């Protein structure tokens, strides 16, 4: 059986932690940034985890990512 293809955009945007959780960058820090205060933009730089309800969908798109 042929190998499954990984989704290219998903490969670039998500990475797995040692515990198996998926990390992601936060959205909303570029568009209309002048209306957001400094603290809010600084906090958006931090990473976040993928929600547990979406985790299976994302993992299916990147089957070979370690």
N, C-alpha and C. Protein backbone atom coordinates (compact mmCIF):
# COMPACT_ATOMS: atom_id res chain seq x y z
N UNK A 1 0.84 -1.18 0.00
CA UNK A 1 0.00 0.00 0.00
C UNK A 1 0.89 1.25 0.00
N UNK A 2 0.54 2.28 -0.79
CA UNK A 2 1.38 3.47 -0.84
C UNK A 2 1.33 4.27 0.45
N UNK A 3 2.39 5.05 0.65
CA UNK A 3 2.43 5.90 1.84
C UNK A 3 1.40 7.02 1.73
N UNK A 4 0.94 7.44 2.88
CA UNK A 4 -0.03 8.53 2.94
C UNK A 4 0.71 9.87 2.84
N UNK A 5 0.15 10.82 2.12
CA UNK A 5 0.79 12.12 1.99
C UNK A 5 0.44 13.02 3.16
N UNK A 6 1.43 13.77 3.62
CA UNK A 6 1.20 14.76 4.67
C UNK A 6 0.69 16.04 4.04
N UNK A 7 -0.14 16.75 4.78
CA UNK A 7 -0.66 18.03 4.32
C UNK A 7 0.42 19.09 4.53
N UNK A 8 0.86 19.73 3.45
CA UNK A 8 2.02 20.62 3.50
C UNK A 8 1.83 21.80 4.44
N UNK A 9 0.66 22.43 4.40
CA UNK A 9 0.42 23.59 5.27
C UNK A 9 0.41 23.18 6.73
N UNK A 10 -0.12 22.01 7.03
CA UNK A 10 -0.18 21.53 8.41
C UNK A 10 1.21 21.21 8.93
N UNK A 11 2.07 20.67 8.09
CA UNK A 11 3.46 20.37 8.49
C UNK A 11 4.17 21.62 8.98
N UNK A 12 3.90 22.75 8.31
CA UNK A 12 4.60 23.99 8.63
C UNK A 12 4.04 24.67 9.87
N UNK A 13 2.79 24.45 10.19
CA UNK A 13 2.12 25.23 11.23
C UNK A 13 1.99 24.56 12.59
N UNK A 14 2.17 23.25 12.66
CA UNK A 14 1.98 22.52 13.92
C UNK A 14 3.20 21.68 14.22
N UNK A 15 3.49 21.48 15.52
CA UNK A 15 4.54 20.56 15.90
C UNK A 15 4.13 19.82 17.15
N UNK A 16 4.62 18.58 17.27
CA UNK A 16 4.26 17.71 18.38
C UNK A 16 5.21 17.90 19.56
N UNK A 17 4.65 17.85 20.76
CA UNK A 17 5.46 17.89 21.97
C UNK A 17 5.82 16.46 22.36
N UNK A 18 6.66 16.31 23.35
CA UNK A 18 7.06 14.98 23.81
C UNK A 18 5.89 14.21 24.40
N UNK A 19 4.93 14.94 24.96
CA UNK A 19 3.76 14.27 25.54
C UNK A 19 2.69 13.93 24.52
N UNK A 20 2.89 14.36 23.26
CA UNK A 20 1.94 14.03 22.21
C UNK A 20 0.94 15.12 21.90
N UNK A 21 1.03 16.26 22.60
CA UNK A 21 0.13 17.38 22.31
C UNK A 21 0.63 18.12 21.07
N UNK A 22 -0.26 18.86 20.45
CA UNK A 22 0.10 19.65 19.28
C UNK A 22 0.19 21.12 19.65
N UNK A 23 1.32 21.72 19.30
CA UNK A 23 1.51 23.15 19.56
C UNK A 23 1.23 23.92 18.27
N UNK A 24 0.79 25.17 18.45
CA UNK A 24 0.50 26.02 17.31
C UNK A 24 0.79 27.47 17.69
N UNK A 25 0.97 28.30 16.67
CA UNK A 25 1.11 29.73 16.90
C UNK A 25 -0.28 30.33 17.05
N UNK A 26 -0.35 31.45 17.76
CA UNK A 26 -1.65 32.10 17.94
C UNK A 26 -1.94 33.04 16.78
N UNK A 27 -3.20 33.19 16.47
CA UNK A 27 -3.60 34.06 15.37
C UNK A 27 -3.95 35.44 15.88
N UNK A 28 -4.07 36.38 14.96
CA UNK A 28 -4.58 37.70 15.29
C UNK A 28 -3.56 38.73 15.68
N UNK A 29 -2.28 38.52 15.33
CA UNK A 29 -1.29 39.51 15.75
C UNK A 29 -0.82 40.41 14.61
N UNK A 30 -1.27 40.19 13.40
CA UNK A 30 -0.82 41.01 12.27
C UNK A 30 -1.88 41.99 11.78
N UNK A 31 -3.05 41.53 11.50
CA UNK A 31 -4.09 42.37 10.90
C UNK A 31 -4.65 43.33 11.95
N UNK A 32 -4.72 44.59 11.60
CA UNK A 32 -5.22 45.66 12.48
C UNK A 32 -4.47 45.69 13.82
N UNK A 33 -3.17 45.53 13.76
CA UNK A 33 -2.35 45.48 14.97
C UNK A 33 -2.28 46.83 15.69
N UNK A 34 -2.50 47.91 14.97
CA UNK A 34 -2.39 49.23 15.60
C UNK A 34 -3.50 49.49 16.62
N UNK A 35 -4.60 48.75 16.53
CA UNK A 35 -5.70 48.93 17.49
C UNK A 35 -5.53 48.06 18.74
N UNK A 36 -4.60 47.13 18.69
CA UNK A 36 -4.36 46.26 19.84
C UNK A 36 -3.26 46.86 20.71
N UNK A 37 -3.41 46.71 22.02
CA UNK A 37 -2.39 47.29 22.89
C UNK A 37 -1.14 46.41 22.94
N UNK A 38 -0.09 46.97 23.50
CA UNK A 38 1.23 46.32 23.50
C UNK A 38 1.21 44.98 24.22
N UNK A 39 0.52 44.94 25.34
CA UNK A 39 0.46 43.71 26.14
C UNK A 39 -0.24 42.60 25.36
N UNK A 40 -1.31 42.94 24.68
CA UNK A 40 -2.07 41.94 23.91
C UNK A 40 -1.22 41.36 22.78
N UNK A 41 -0.51 42.22 22.05
CA UNK A 41 0.35 41.75 20.96
C UNK A 41 1.51 40.91 21.48
N UNK A 42 2.06 41.29 22.62
CA UNK A 42 3.15 40.53 23.23
C UNK A 42 2.68 39.14 23.64
N UNK A 43 1.48 39.04 24.20
CA UNK A 43 0.95 37.75 24.61
C UNK A 43 0.57 36.87 23.42
N UNK A 44 0.27 37.47 22.28
CA UNK A 44 -0.05 36.70 21.08
C UNK A 44 1.19 36.06 20.46
N UNK A 45 2.39 36.49 20.86
CA UNK A 45 3.61 35.87 20.35
C UNK A 45 3.80 34.46 20.89
N UNK A 46 3.25 34.19 22.05
CA UNK A 46 3.42 32.88 22.69
C UNK A 46 2.67 31.81 21.90
N UNK A 47 3.11 30.57 22.08
CA UNK A 47 2.43 29.46 21.43
C UNK A 47 1.27 28.97 22.29
N UNK A 48 0.42 28.17 21.66
CA UNK A 48 -0.74 27.62 22.35
C UNK A 48 -0.89 26.18 21.88
N UNK A 49 -1.79 25.45 22.51
CA UNK A 49 -2.03 24.06 22.13
C UNK A 49 -3.31 23.94 21.31
N UNK A 50 -3.33 22.96 20.43
CA UNK A 50 -4.53 22.69 19.63
C UNK A 50 -5.60 22.13 20.56
N UNK A 51 -6.84 22.54 20.36
CA UNK A 51 -7.95 22.06 21.17
C UNK A 51 -8.11 20.55 21.01
N UNK A 52 -8.52 19.89 22.08
CA UNK A 52 -8.63 18.42 22.06
C UNK A 52 -9.65 17.93 21.04
N UNK A 53 -10.65 18.75 20.73
CA UNK A 53 -11.66 18.35 19.75
C UNK A 53 -11.12 18.36 18.32
N UNK A 54 -10.08 19.15 18.06
CA UNK A 54 -9.48 19.25 16.73
C UNK A 54 -8.21 18.43 16.58
N UNK A 55 -7.70 17.92 17.70
CA UNK A 55 -6.39 17.25 17.70
C UNK A 55 -6.33 16.05 16.76
N UNK A 56 -7.36 15.23 16.73
CA UNK A 56 -7.37 14.04 15.88
C UNK A 56 -7.34 14.42 14.40
N UNK A 57 -8.04 15.50 14.03
CA UNK A 57 -8.06 15.95 12.64
C UNK A 57 -6.68 16.40 12.19
N UNK A 58 -6.00 17.15 13.04
CA UNK A 58 -4.68 17.67 12.68
C UNK A 58 -3.67 16.52 12.63
N UNK A 59 -3.72 15.61 13.58
CA UNK A 59 -2.79 14.48 13.58
C UNK A 59 -2.97 13.59 12.35
N UNK A 60 -4.19 13.49 11.86
CA UNK A 60 -4.44 12.70 10.64
C UNK A 60 -3.78 13.33 9.42
N UNK A 61 -3.62 14.65 9.44
CA UNK A 61 -3.01 15.35 8.31
C UNK A 61 -1.49 15.27 8.32
N UNK A 62 -0.90 14.96 9.48
CA UNK A 62 0.57 14.84 9.57
C UNK A 62 0.94 13.49 10.18
N UNK A 63 0.72 12.40 9.44
CA UNK A 63 0.90 11.06 10.01
C UNK A 63 2.34 10.71 10.37
N UNK A 64 3.32 11.33 9.72
CA UNK A 64 4.72 10.93 9.93
C UNK A 64 5.52 11.91 10.77
N UNK A 65 4.87 12.92 11.28
CA UNK A 65 5.58 13.92 12.08
C UNK A 65 5.89 13.35 13.46
N UNK A 66 7.12 13.47 13.90
CA UNK A 66 7.53 12.91 15.19
C UNK A 66 7.72 14.02 16.19
